[in-house]
């Protein structure tokens, strides 16, 4: 039994959920998102302020998708009402970032600058050349873009240089020790 799938989702003000056959469309003040429903999963979005996700049977695939679809719809509702963001910071001398048009220009100590295209639906801002903020309504897209930027130069354990999430703890290692 999916405990997550059984929880009803409460709708905030100014957010509407429409079910068109096998597609769920969520509209809110920040934008519009849609999701294709897998077979065996239905959504009851009546005029009340709650959305209920149900499954057709107790089959293993339906049970597996029940909680997943509920979480995806909940994230869509949160995204169109509040939005999602990830904060990154660059640490290291000479490492910096800038937004140039529709690209994120990263100077990460390589022989060339890295131009990473910003997907549609995301807003990327850079403060102080080292603080990157990724904002959008799609949780998966925000997290994926932030992970790709971090992947260009993950924080290294000896000096702590690299791109990291704000608040991320990097476990440091001791360097070589000169002994007898």
Protein backbone atom coordinates (compact mmCIF):
# COMPACT_ATOMS: atom_id res chain seq x y z
CA UNK A 1 0.00 0.00 0.00
CA UNK A 2 1.37 3.37 -0.99
CA UNK A 3 1.15 5.80 1.88
CA UNK A 4 2.32 8.65 -0.32
CA UNK A 5 -0.19 7.90 -3.08
CA UNK A 6 -3.15 7.90 -0.70
CA UNK A 7 -2.53 11.44 0.60
CA UNK A 8 -4.79 14.04 -0.99
CA UNK A 9 -3.10 17.10 -2.52
CA UNK A 10 -4.48 20.47 -1.44
CA UNK A 11 -4.68 23.14 -4.12
CA UNK A 12 -3.47 26.66 -3.28
CA UNK A 13 -5.38 29.70 -4.48
CA UNK A 14 -5.11 30.56 -8.20
CA UNK A 15 -4.01 27.02 -9.18
CA UNK A 16 -6.21 24.85 -11.39
CA UNK A 17 -5.84 21.18 -12.33
CA UNK A 18 -7.50 19.82 -15.47
CA UNK A 19 -7.50 16.21 -16.66
CA UNK A 20 -7.74 15.80 -20.45
CA UNK A 21 -7.92 12.05 -21.04
CA UNK A 22 -4.47 10.80 -20.09
CA UNK A 23 -2.90 14.23 -19.62
CA UNK A 24 -2.90 16.38 -16.48
CA UNK A 25 -2.54 20.14 -16.98
CA UNK A 26 -1.68 22.31 -13.98
CA UNK A 27 -1.95 26.09 -14.36
CA UNK A 28 -0.93 28.72 -11.85
CA UNK A 29 0.41 32.25 -11.50
CA UNK A 30 3.95 31.24 -12.54
CA UNK A 31 3.09 29.14 -15.58
CA UNK A 32 1.64 25.93 -16.94
CA UNK A 33 2.89 22.32 -16.72
CA UNK A 34 1.53 19.07 -18.10
CA UNK A 35 2.10 15.38 -17.40
CA UNK A 36 1.12 12.27 -19.34
CA UNK A 37 -0.53 9.79 -16.97
CA UNK A 38 0.59 6.16 -17.13
CA UNK A 39 -2.09 3.55 -17.74
CA UNK A 40 -3.90 2.42 -14.60
CA UNK A 41 -3.49 5.74 -12.76
CA UNK A 42 -6.37 8.22 -12.59
CA UNK A 43 -6.69 11.67 -11.07
CA UNK A 44 -9.85 13.05 -9.51
CA UNK A 45 -9.68 16.84 -9.62
CA UNK A 46 -13.21 17.97 -8.88
CA UNK A 47 -14.29 21.46 -7.85
CA UNK A 48 -13.02 21.05 -4.30
CA UNK A 49 -9.60 22.26 -3.29
CA UNK A 50 -8.09 18.76 -3.27
CA UNK A 51 -6.69 16.40 -5.89
CA UNK A 52 -6.77 12.63 -5.36
CA UNK A 53 -4.61 10.16 -7.28
CA UNK A 54 -6.04 6.65 -7.59
CA UNK A 55 -4.87 3.39 -9.11
CA UNK A 56 -6.94 0.90 -11.09
CA UNK A 57 -5.78 -2.29 -9.37
CA UNK A 58 -3.35 -3.79 -6.91
CA UNK A 59 -1.00 -4.87 -9.71
CA UNK A 60 2.66 -4.32 -8.98
CA UNK A 61 3.14 -1.70 -11.72
CA UNK A 62 0.09 0.28 -10.58
CA UNK A 63 1.26 0.21 -6.97
CA UNK A 64 4.74 1.34 -8.04
CA UNK A 65 3.41 4.28 -10.06
CA UNK A 66 0.76 5.42 -7.56
CA UNK A 67 3.04 7.34 -5.18
CA UNK A 68 5.32 8.50 -7.99
CA UNK A 69 2.51 10.15 -9.95
CA UNK A 70 1.15 11.75 -6.76
CA UNK A 71 4.59 13.24 -6.02
CA UNK A 72 4.97 14.49 -9.61
CA UNK A 73 1.56 16.20 -9.54
CA UNK A 74 2.33 17.71 -6.12
CA UNK A 75 5.65 19.06 -7.47
CA UNK A 76 3.83 20.53 -10.47
CA UNK A 77 1.36 22.31 -8.18
CA UNK A 78 4.19 23.65 -6.01
CA UNK A 79 6.11 24.74 -9.10
CA UNK A 80 3.32 26.78 -10.68
CA UNK A 81 2.43 28.42 -7.36
CA UNK A 82 5.84 29.03 -5.71
CA UNK A 83 8.54 27.81 -8.09
CA UNK A 84 11.79 26.00 -7.36
CA UNK A 85 15.36 27.24 -7.09
CA UNK A 86 18.87 25.94 -6.52
CA UNK A 87 21.76 28.07 -5.33
CA UNK A 88 25.31 27.25 -6.41
CA UNK A 89 28.58 28.85 -5.41
CA UNK A 90 31.99 28.75 -7.04
CA UNK A 91 35.04 28.59 -4.79
CA UNK A 92 38.57 29.06 -6.01
CA UNK A 93 40.83 31.85 -7.22
CA UNK A 94 40.05 32.94 -10.79
CA UNK A 95 36.90 30.81 -11.10
CA UNK A 96 33.81 32.76 -12.15
CA UNK A 97 30.51 32.67 -14.04
CA UNK A 98 28.43 35.08 -16.11
CA UNK A 99 25.21 34.96 -18.10
CA UNK A 100 25.73 35.80 -21.79
CA UNK A 101 22.46 35.85 -23.70
CA UNK A 102 20.97 32.35 -23.49
CA UNK A 103 24.20 30.74 -22.24
CA UNK A 104 25.91 30.42 -18.89
CA UNK A 105 29.59 31.31 -19.36
CA UNK A 106 31.75 29.41 -16.87
CA UNK A 107 35.46 30.10 -16.41
CA UNK A 108 36.56 27.15 -14.31
CA UNK A 109 40.32 27.07 -14.80
CA UNK A 110 40.24 25.11 -18.04
CA UNK A 111 41.93 26.26 -21.25
CA UNK A 112 38.60 27.45 -22.64
CA UNK A 113 35.41 28.99 -21.23
CA UNK A 114 32.45 26.62 -20.92
CA UNK A 115 29.27 27.92 -22.58
CA UNK A 116 26.35 25.94 -21.15
CA UNK A 117 22.98 26.68 -22.83
CA UNK A 118 20.17 27.67 -20.47
CA UNK A 119 17.00 25.66 -21.22
CA UNK A 120 13.71 27.43 -21.91
CA UNK A 121 11.69 27.87 -18.73
CA UNK A 122 14.69 28.52 -16.48
CA UNK A 123 16.01 31.81 -15.15
CA UNK A 124 19.69 31.90 -14.23
CA UNK A 125 21.21 34.85 -12.38
CA UNK A 126 24.83 35.38 -11.29
CA UNK A 127 25.80 37.60 -8.36
CA UNK A 128 29.35 38.58 -7.42
CA UNK A 129 30.69 36.38 -10.30
CA UNK A 130 30.58 33.35 -7.99
CA UNK A 131 26.98 32.89 -6.87
CA UNK A 132 24.60 31.22 -9.35
CA UNK A 133 20.84 31.01 -8.79
CA UNK A 134 18.77 28.68 -10.98
CA UNK A 135 15.00 29.28 -10.86
CA UNK A 136 12.05 27.68 -12.64
CA UNK A 137 8.69 25.95 -12.27
CA UNK A 138 9.84 22.44 -13.26
CA UNK A 139 11.63 20.78 -10.32
CA UNK A 140 13.34 18.19 -12.50
CA UNK A 141 14.65 20.80 -14.97
CA UNK A 142 15.99 23.05 -12.19
CA UNK A 143 17.77 20.17 -10.45
CA UNK A 144 19.16 18.74 -13.69
CA UNK A 145 20.60 22.07 -14.84
CA UNK A 146 22.18 22.71 -11.42
CA UNK A 147 23.68 19.20 -11.42
CA UNK A 148 25.13 19.72 -14.92
CA UNK A 149 26.75 23.01 -13.87
CA UNK A 150 28.16 21.37 -10.73
CA UNK A 151 29.41 18.45 -12.86
CA UNK A 152 31.77 20.70 -14.84
CA UNK A 153 33.99 21.13 -11.76
CA UNK A 154 32.76 19.25 -8.66
CA UNK A 155 34.33 20.36 -5.38
CA UNK A 156 37.64 18.63 -4.83
CA UNK A 157 38.53 17.33 -1.35
CA UNK A 158 42.04 18.80 -0.93
CA UNK A 159 41.57 22.55 -1.35
CA UNK A 160 37.77 22.64 -1.65
CA UNK A 161 37.82 24.39 -5.04
CA UNK A 162 34.97 23.89 -7.48
CA UNK A 163 31.24 24.40 -7.97
CA UNK A 164 29.05 23.36 -5.04
CA UNK A 165 25.52 23.79 -3.78
CA UNK A 166 25.08 26.47 -1.12
CA UNK A 167 25.26 24.71 2.23
CA UNK A 168 26.90 21.57 0.80
CA UNK A 169 29.56 20.15 3.08
CA UNK A 170 32.71 18.99 1.31
CA UNK A 171 34.69 16.46 3.28
CA UNK A 172 38.29 17.61 3.21
CA UNK A 173 41.30 15.33 3.01
CA UNK A 174 44.76 15.84 4.38
CA UNK A 175 47.47 16.37 1.80
CA UNK A 176 50.82 14.62 1.65
CA UNK A 177 52.73 14.64 4.87
CA UNK A 178 56.50 14.73 4.93
CA UNK A 179 57.80 12.15 7.39
CA UNK A 180 61.05 10.43 8.27
